[in-house]
């Protein structure tokens, strides 16, 4: 409907109304999607409804000039109208197949390469910006060409066609240069995609965009000359060429390897190969296999009823390939699990004088560690016997600051709870891949932020960083630690075959809502430089307004505004009593 009404407005030369409809449609899409994102809506149906509602509203608000012209023109016979519409519809569908099937082709050629498909989808958003700009030019192009063709003004027709091709060539070239230069960085910054596409990839995608721009201009020329069948034939040939290039069983070379992203196929033995063949780190791992296993201190906190504490502790103690000890910090456990755990061999229980929160409790437990490696494990997380050894092996590689396990949902271990937490520049962070099949996250990747559910870091690096910030108490402390590791030039790795089953339950309470928002702001104010905050100030302020609106609508406005009034104080030192 939107395309039809815009076509009518273009034919009527009502370009002001045409532009108004485009602006309303785009503005509504951006605004409504932003509101959904900032209020935490993650239902695909809600975002799909935006794509339906925005153009309908835009059409309704710009329908006046179309309604006024109904019935005023000469009658058009149905046969030529249907013939033209049928050929035009076929051409449009085939054109969309050619231009959008690239992501599907990647999955056909290499079904396991989910990351490249995702990165390609994000890249296409950037390289197609010239197409959106061309939309405004297209409104005037077809009426101009049609007028010249209908009046037999061949010189005017050729001049307009040449100038249009020159304009789209300049537009495509400029967009292509910018995409080739900044595309790899932008898709990582904006869409958090793996580092799998380089400058050359963006250059080729830009060439394809330029070719599509040429096809659009030439297609308009064919339509103006009533050559609908020629346009449909051209796109049919294009789809046939695409099929020929995709379906034959030809070998596909995907040999590129990027820092932090392992593109190697899985070894023949069925393992995921997290350490094999990775240079000095692999040699170190092979030497270590003949030496004593790494000494690991697992730190676990206990608070409240803790129904899974005993199972979680026993799973840690059953770890293979590591020399394990477990330090449990009792922050106020009310269940009898703490007494059971206290009697297990290899367990030390520490009891601070008060509840120190997750960050403070982890710091207290780490201070009592004797191992070379620290593993932080939630009290409702059940680690597989080999999980900690695999995460330690990756964390020991050069350039790795810390590594995290593959956190699965305990009720269905084939589903991900988190494969690393995405991090938005506004400080918003969430469980990456939550609810998605684990098979879609079967490759080792670099992640923006660790999940505090289960990660490993060397004890000396933890000491260098001074651990978690005590002021956080709970929530976002893993994000803030991740940022400090990145600032030191160290990457964070996700280890897909180190499986941890997490008895995850989403909960909301006043304290959590206050801490999540307060700590998000603490992270921004401490991790960003002043000039970065100044640059991002408009978006950060807009985010605050949106979050306040969401808080007021959700009934937690008081907790939101409490975060604005927070003033850090000197941390209190609580001496734990070992038992």
Foldseek 3Di string as FASTA:
>chain_A
DLVVVLLVCLLVVVLVLSVQLVVQLVVQLVVQVVLCVLLPNDDPVSNVVSNVPRNVVSCVVSVVVVVVCPPVDDDDDDPVVVVLVVLVVLLVVLLCCLLPCPLVLVCLQPVLPLQVSVLVVLLLVQLQPLVVVCVSVVSNQLSQLLVCLVVVVVVSNVVSLVVQLVVLLVSLVVSLVCCLVCVLVCCCQPVVGFNQDHSVNSNVSSVVSSVSSNLVSVCSNCVSNVNSVVSSVVSVVSVVVVCVVRPDPDHDDPPDDDVFFDPDDADPVPDNCLQPPDPPLNVVVVVCVVPQAFEEEEEEEAAEALPQQQQQLVLQVLAPRYNYAYEYEYQHHPHCSVVVSCPDPRYKYWYWPHRLADQRRLLQRLVPDDTQKYKYAYSQKRWHNHQVSSQVSNQPDPQAAKEWEQEAAQVDRQAGCAQAWAAHLLLDIHGPRGGHGLSSVQTKGWHQFYDSNIMMGGSVSCVVVVGFDSVLSDECSRNLVSLVCVVVRGIYMGHSVGYMHGNDDDDDDLVVVLSHLLVSVVSNVPNDDPVVCVVCVVVNVVSLVSNLVSCVVVVRNVSNVVSVVDDDDDDDDIGIDMD
